[in-house]
Protein backbone atom coordinates (compact mmCIF):
# COMPACT_ATOMS: atom_id res chain seq x y z
CA UNK A 1 -43.23 -64.36 2.51
CA UNK A 2 -40.40 -62.63 3.13
CA UNK A 3 -40.90 -60.65 -0.11
CA UNK A 4 -44.28 -60.12 1.28
CA UNK A 5 -43.00 -59.26 4.70
CA UNK A 6 -40.54 -56.67 2.97
CA UNK A 7 -42.79 -54.85 0.67
CA UNK A 8 -45.08 -54.37 4.12
CA UNK A 9 -41.80 -52.60 5.69
CA UNK A 10 -41.10 -50.51 2.97
CA UNK A 11 -44.33 -49.15 2.32
CA UNK A 12 -44.40 -47.92 6.12
CA UNK A 13 -41.27 -46.64 5.89
CA UNK A 14 -42.81 -44.97 2.61
CA UNK A 15 -45.40 -43.14 4.69
CA UNK A 16 -43.18 -42.27 7.57
CA UNK A 17 -40.67 -40.57 4.99
CA UNK A 18 -43.29 -38.83 3.26
CA UNK A 19 -44.38 -37.29 6.29
CA UNK A 20 -41.50 -36.41 7.71
CA UNK A 21 -40.41 -34.38 4.67
CA UNK A 22 -44.09 -32.54 4.92
CA UNK A 23 -43.21 -31.81 8.83
CA UNK A 24 -39.89 -30.07 7.62
CA UNK A 25 -41.26 -28.30 5.45
CA UNK A 26 -43.90 -26.88 7.08
CA UNK A 27 -43.15 -23.77 9.87
CA UNK A 28 -45.88 -24.83 11.96
CA UNK A 29 -46.89 -28.03 12.44
CA UNK A 30 -50.33 -28.99 14.32
CA UNK A 31 -52.23 -31.79 16.09
CA UNK A 32 -55.81 -32.98 15.73
CA UNK A 33 -58.11 -35.81 17.31
CA UNK A 34 -60.69 -36.51 14.41
CA UNK A 35 -62.78 -38.76 17.04
CA UNK A 36 -66.59 -38.84 16.43
CA UNK A 37 -65.68 -36.18 13.60
CA UNK A 38 -68.44 -37.40 10.86
CA UNK A 39 -65.64 -38.65 7.47
CA UNK A 40 -68.49 -36.58 5.36
CA UNK A 41 -67.93 -33.29 7.88
CA UNK A 42 -64.03 -34.00 7.91
CA UNK A 43 -64.25 -33.81 4.26
CA UNK A 44 -66.32 -30.55 3.56
CA UNK A 45 -64.03 -29.11 6.56
CA UNK A 46 -60.55 -30.14 4.76
CA UNK A 47 -62.12 -28.66 1.04
CA UNK A 48 -63.30 -24.89 2.66
CA UNK A 49 -59.71 -24.76 4.42
CA UNK A 50 -57.46 -26.32 2.01
CA UNK A 51 -55.68 -22.89 1.26
CA UNK A 52 -55.23 -22.53 4.43
CA UNK A 53 -53.46 -25.62 5.70
CA UNK A 54 -52.79 -29.16 4.68
CA UNK A 55 -54.13 -31.99 6.47
CA UNK A 56 -53.04 -35.35 6.51
CA UNK A 57 -54.23 -38.46 8.18
CA UNK A 58 -51.96 -41.43 9.59
CA UNK A 59 -51.69 -43.56 11.82
CA UNK A 60 -50.45 -42.59 15.84
CA UNK A 61 -47.46 -44.94 15.16
CA UNK A 62 -46.40 -43.02 12.00
CA UNK A 63 -47.16 -39.93 12.98
CA UNK A 64 -44.89 -40.75 16.31
CA UNK A 65 -41.69 -41.70 14.20
CA UNK A 66 -42.37 -38.63 11.67
CA UNK A 67 -42.31 -36.21 14.49
CA UNK A 68 -38.96 -38.19 15.85
CA UNK A 69 -37.44 -37.97 12.35
CA UNK A 70 -37.73 -34.37 12.51
CA UNK A 71 -37.47 -33.25 15.38
CA UNK A 72 -40.54 -32.90 16.88
CA UNK A 73 -40.50 -35.42 20.10
CA UNK A 74 -42.08 -32.81 22.09
CA UNK A 75 -45.66 -33.36 20.20
CA UNK A 76 -45.38 -36.99 20.20
CA UNK A 77 -47.81 -36.50 23.97
CA UNK A 78 -50.07 -34.52 21.96
CA UNK A 79 -50.80 -37.18 20.12
CA UNK A 80 -54.83 -38.07 20.66
CA UNK A 81 -58.00 -40.61 19.85
CA UNK A 82 -57.43 -40.61 15.97
CA UNK A 83 -54.95 -37.84 15.37
CA UNK A 84 -54.32 -35.89 12.22
CA UNK A 85 -51.71 -33.82 11.18
CA UNK A 86 -52.21 -30.16 10.09
CA UNK A 87 -49.56 -28.20 8.25
CA UNK A 88 -49.29 -24.16 7.95
CA UNK A 89 -47.78 -21.54 6.73
CA UNK A 90 -49.96 -19.57 9.05
CA UNK A 91 -49.54 -18.49 12.35
CA UNK A 92 -51.04 -21.04 15.24
CA UNK A 93 -53.70 -18.51 16.53
CA UNK A 94 -55.11 -17.45 12.99
CA UNK A 95 -55.31 -20.93 11.94
CA UNK A 96 -57.30 -21.76 15.49
CA UNK A 97 -59.80 -18.93 14.40
CA UNK A 98 -60.28 -20.08 11.01
CA UNK A 99 -60.93 -23.58 12.65
CA UNK A 100 -63.42 -22.46 15.22
CA UNK A 101 -65.22 -20.50 12.64
CA UNK A 102 -65.97 -23.70 10.55
CA UNK A 103 -67.33 -25.64 13.83
CA UNK A 104 -70.96 -26.54 14.09
CA UNK A 105 -73.59 -27.55 17.03
CA UNK A 106 -75.44 -31.02 16.83
CA UNK A 107 -77.95 -32.31 19.65
CA UNK A 108 -75.76 -34.79 22.42
CA UNK A 109 -76.23 -38.94 21.42
CA UNK A 110 -76.81 -41.21 24.06
CA UNK A 111 -73.91 -42.04 25.79
CA UNK A 112 -72.24 -39.46 25.07
CA UNK A 113 -70.17 -37.40 27.53
CA UNK A 114 -71.77 -33.57 28.18
CA UNK A 115 -68.95 -30.98 27.33
CA UNK A 116 -71.17 -28.92 30.05
CA UNK A 117 -74.41 -28.79 31.98
CA UNK A 118 -77.33 -28.94 29.68
CA UNK A 119 -80.02 -27.42 31.06
CA UNK A 120 -83.74 -27.34 30.19
CA UNK A 121 -85.02 -23.76 30.82
CA UNK A 122 -87.95 -22.49 32.66
CA UNK A 123 -91.01 -21.07 30.13
CA UNK A 124 -93.68 -23.01 27.28
CA UNK A 125 -92.34 -25.49 25.29
CA UNK A 126 -93.47 -27.15 21.83
CA UNK A 127 -94.90 -30.06 23.22
CA UNK A 128 -98.96 -30.68 23.64
CA UNK A 129 -100.19 -32.56 26.71
CA UNK A 130 -99.37 -35.91 26.73
CA UNK A 131 -97.11 -38.98 27.84
CA UNK A 132 -93.94 -36.59 27.34
CA UNK A 133 -94.94 -34.49 30.31
CA UNK A 134 -94.42 -37.47 32.91
CA UNK A 135 -90.94 -38.23 30.82
CA UNK A 136 -89.99 -34.67 31.54
CA UNK A 137 -91.43 -35.95 34.98
CA UNK A 138 -88.26 -38.63 35.02
CA UNK A 139 -85.84 -36.18 34.00
CA UNK A 140 -86.55 -34.18 37.47
CA UNK A 141 -87.79 -31.80 35.01
CA UNK A 142 -91.56 -29.50 36.93
CA UNK A 143 -93.82 -29.01 34.14
CA UNK A 144 -97.85 -28.39 34.07
CA UNK A 145 -100.02 -27.34 31.06
CA UNK A 146 -100.51 -24.30 30.21
CA UNK A 147 -103.03 -22.44 27.33
CA UNK A 148 -102.80 -25.98 26.02
CA UNK A 149 -98.66 -26.28 26.13
CA UNK A 150 -96.44 -27.86 28.52
CA UNK A 151 -94.69 -25.35 30.50
CA UNK A 152 -91.62 -25.85 32.53
CA UNK A 153 -92.03 -24.43 35.84
CA UNK A 154 -88.18 -23.64 36.31
CA UNK A 155 -84.41 -24.35 34.95
CA UNK A 156 -83.78 -27.61 35.22
CA UNK A 157 -79.95 -29.51 34.94
CA UNK A 158 -80.36 -32.51 32.82
CA UNK A 159 -77.12 -33.64 32.22
CA UNK A 160 -74.35 -32.14 34.21
CA UNK A 161 -71.12 -31.67 32.73
CA UNK A 162 -68.81 -34.57 32.57
CA UNK A 163 -71.50 -37.04 32.64
CA UNK A 164 -73.02 -39.67 29.82
CA UNK A 165 -76.22 -38.35 28.80
CA UNK A 166 -79.03 -41.10 28.96
CA UNK A 167 -81.59 -42.02 26.27
CA UNK A 168 -84.53 -40.12 27.55
CA UNK A 169 -82.26 -37.08 28.33
CA UNK A 170 -80.31 -37.43 24.58
CA UNK A 171 -84.48 -37.35 23.00
CA UNK A 172 -85.75 -34.71 25.03
CA UNK A 173 -83.07 -31.90 24.56
CA UNK A 174 -83.11 -32.86 20.77
CA UNK A 175 -86.72 -32.34 20.37
CA UNK A 176 -86.33 -29.16 22.59
CA UNK A 177 -83.10 -27.95 20.33
CA UNK A 178 -80.34 -28.35 22.58
CA UNK A 179 -77.47 -28.57 20.95
CA UNK A 180 -74.16 -28.45 23.15
CA UNK A 181 -71.89 -30.46 21.12
CA UNK A 182 -69.62 -29.02 18.66
CA UNK A 183 -68.75 -30.67 15.26
CA UNK A 184 -65.71 -29.34 13.79
CA UNK A 185 -61.62 -29.86 13.69
CA UNK A 186 -60.57 -30.49 17.41
CA UNK A 187 -56.56 -29.43 18.18
CA UNK A 188 -54.68 -30.75 20.81
CA UNK A 189 -52.12 -28.80 20.08
CA UNK A 190 -49.79 -26.64 17.47
CA UNK A 191 -46.34 -25.81 17.56
CA UNK A 192 -44.15 -22.82 15.83
CA UNK A 193 -41.04 -21.91 16.76
CA UNK A 194 -40.05 -24.69 19.15
CA UNK A 195 -43.30 -23.46 20.77
CA UNK A 196 -46.15 -25.45 21.51
CA UNK A 197 -49.64 -24.24 22.04
CA UNK A 198 -52.35 -26.45 23.24
CA UNK A 199 -56.36 -24.86 22.72
CA UNK A 200 -56.77 -23.05 25.99
CA UNK A 201 -54.22 -20.66 24.93
CA UNK A 202 -55.40 -20.61 20.76
CA UNK A 203 -58.58 -19.87 22.11
CA UNK A 204 -58.46 -16.23 21.72
CA UNK A 205 -60.71 -13.36 20.74
CA UNK A 206 -57.98 -11.70 18.12
CA UNK A 207 -60.35 -9.01 17.21
CA UNK A 208 -60.62 -8.05 20.45
CA UNK A 209 -57.12 -8.12 20.89
CA UNK A 210 -56.13 -5.76 17.61
CA UNK A 211 -58.73 -3.29 19.05
CA UNK A 212 -56.92 -3.15 22.32
CA UNK A 213 -53.66 -3.21 20.90
CA UNK A 214 -54.64 -0.28 18.72
CA UNK A 215 -55.66 1.64 21.60
CA UNK A 216 -52.77 0.82 23.41
CA UNK A 217 -50.52 2.17 20.15
CA UNK A 218 -52.09 4.87 19.56
CA UNK A 219 -51.88 5.81 23.41
CA UNK A 220 -48.25 5.81 23.15
CA UNK A 221 -48.69 8.08 20.22
CA UNK A 222 -50.53 10.36 21.57
CA UNK A 223 -47.95 10.81 25.03
CA UNK A 224 -45.15 10.46 23.45
CA UNK A 225 -45.18 13.23 20.59
CA UNK A 226 -44.41 10.71 17.86
CA UNK A 227 -45.57 12.24 14.07
CA UNK A 228 -47.40 9.43 12.89
CA UNK A 229 -49.83 10.25 9.97
CA UNK A 230 -52.55 8.35 10.29
CA UNK A 231 -53.27 9.80 13.91
CA UNK A 232 -51.97 13.51 13.32
CA UNK A 233 -55.47 14.75 13.86
CA UNK A 234 -55.46 13.84 17.10
CA UNK A 235 -51.92 14.54 17.67
CA UNK A 236 -52.92 18.13 16.61
CA UNK A 237 -56.06 18.69 18.61
CA UNK A 238 -54.16 17.82 21.97
CA UNK A 239 -50.99 19.97 20.97
CA UNK A 240 -53.77 22.69 20.55
CA UNK A 241 -55.22 22.26 24.02
CA UNK A 242 -52.29 21.97 25.51
CA UNK A 243 -50.97 25.09 23.98
CA UNK A 244 -54.18 26.78 25.40
CA UNK A 245 -53.39 25.41 29.20
CA UNK A 246 -50.08 26.26 29.09
CA UNK A 247 -51.74 29.87 28.16
CA UNK A 248 -54.21 29.72 30.72
CA UNK A 249 -51.04 29.38 33.62
CA UNK A 250 -49.34 32.21 31.81
CA UNK A 251 -52.12 34.55 31.69
CA UNK A 252 -55.31 33.52 34.01
CA UNK A 253 -57.19 35.66 32.44
CA UNK A 254 -57.89 34.01 29.68
CA UNK A 255 -57.36 30.16 31.14
CA UNK A 256 -60.04 27.55 30.06
CA UNK A 257 -63.34 27.19 31.78
CA UNK A 258 -65.04 24.50 31.11
CA UNK A 259 -68.48 22.45 32.24
CA UNK A 260 -68.67 18.01 33.63
CA UNK A 261 -69.93 17.01 30.97
CA UNK A 262 -73.53 15.66 31.81
CA UNK A 263 -73.97 11.58 31.45
CA UNK A 264 -76.30 12.63 28.38
CA UNK A 265 -73.21 14.42 26.65
CA UNK A 266 -70.80 11.42 28.06
CA UNK A 267 -73.25 9.07 25.96
CA UNK A 268 -72.89 11.07 22.85
CA UNK A 269 -69.68 11.87 22.71
CA UNK A 270 -68.82 8.05 23.42
CA UNK A 271 -71.03 6.88 20.41
CA UNK A 272 -69.74 9.08 17.88
CA UNK A 273 -65.82 7.79 18.71
CA UNK A 274 -67.22 4.17 18.73
CA UNK A 275 -68.10 5.54 15.07
CA UNK A 276 -64.87 7.15 14.13
CA UNK A 277 -62.18 3.42 14.86
CA UNK A 278 -63.28 1.92 12.15
CA UNK A 279 -61.70 -1.19 11.19
CA UNK A 280 -60.06 0.53 8.58
CA UNK A 281 -58.66 3.21 10.57
CA UNK A 282 -57.48 0.22 13.56
CA UNK A 283 -55.41 -1.25 10.45
CA UNK A 284 -53.85 2.11 9.02
CA UNK A 285 -52.64 2.95 12.89
CA UNK A 286 -51.19 0.21 13.22
CA UNK A 287 -49.72 -0.37 10.07
CA UNK A 288 -48.07 3.00 10.70
CA UNK A 289 -46.83 2.24 14.08
CA UNK A 290 -45.38 -1.04 13.01
CA UNK A 291 -44.61 -0.66 9.42
């Protein structure tokens, strides 16, 4: 009996020790909640992301002890549901974005809490006349038969955010192909350099941030006179234009006279500018600025 208890204790210690060692090896550690995620889908996602991150499933108690042993006590409060640990060398924002890209949508199940208001839109449905028109009425959906099909007369909220879906609501929504449930890895927290990032912070549009950063960096270059090879065309154009303006101040008779651009010409100009700013140009410009 004592040997059995000793074996169990040693096994638990080994699990915690291995997880602790792994956590210490990676600069970024995160937590997932795998509740309601089908095992088959989890294995598929895990396999698809194996080059970007390591995912370790374990008991809550083991993860808690490993966090304590590795100096990550501040992550313990983030352990939710059926936890798993993310270990990676990529930054938290990139990891979150990769996880987000690997999510899919599914229909809501009876008794499942809705993440948002579920609305049946006004218009034609795939339903032909029959008992289903009465079922729609039970859900508060006003409908009538038109041209051999059932039409919803106005947008109707079938399940409110935070409320569980009834069996009838789940059935009707599935038939209407309403899929509000995201299936994928559910990140509860990520930690890097002693900073914990929650999903609301991590959920940003990286492409938009890059474009905004590029625009701001480009503006900095053009207004400070920094000589950046990737932006030399714009720098020379601005210098030339400023020289013409200065010449016009000194010699009024040679001053530049311009016409206010028409709305049509302005649209054409904006379209041309959009074409010029490619992803490669953005990368080259940022690389020139920051190395």
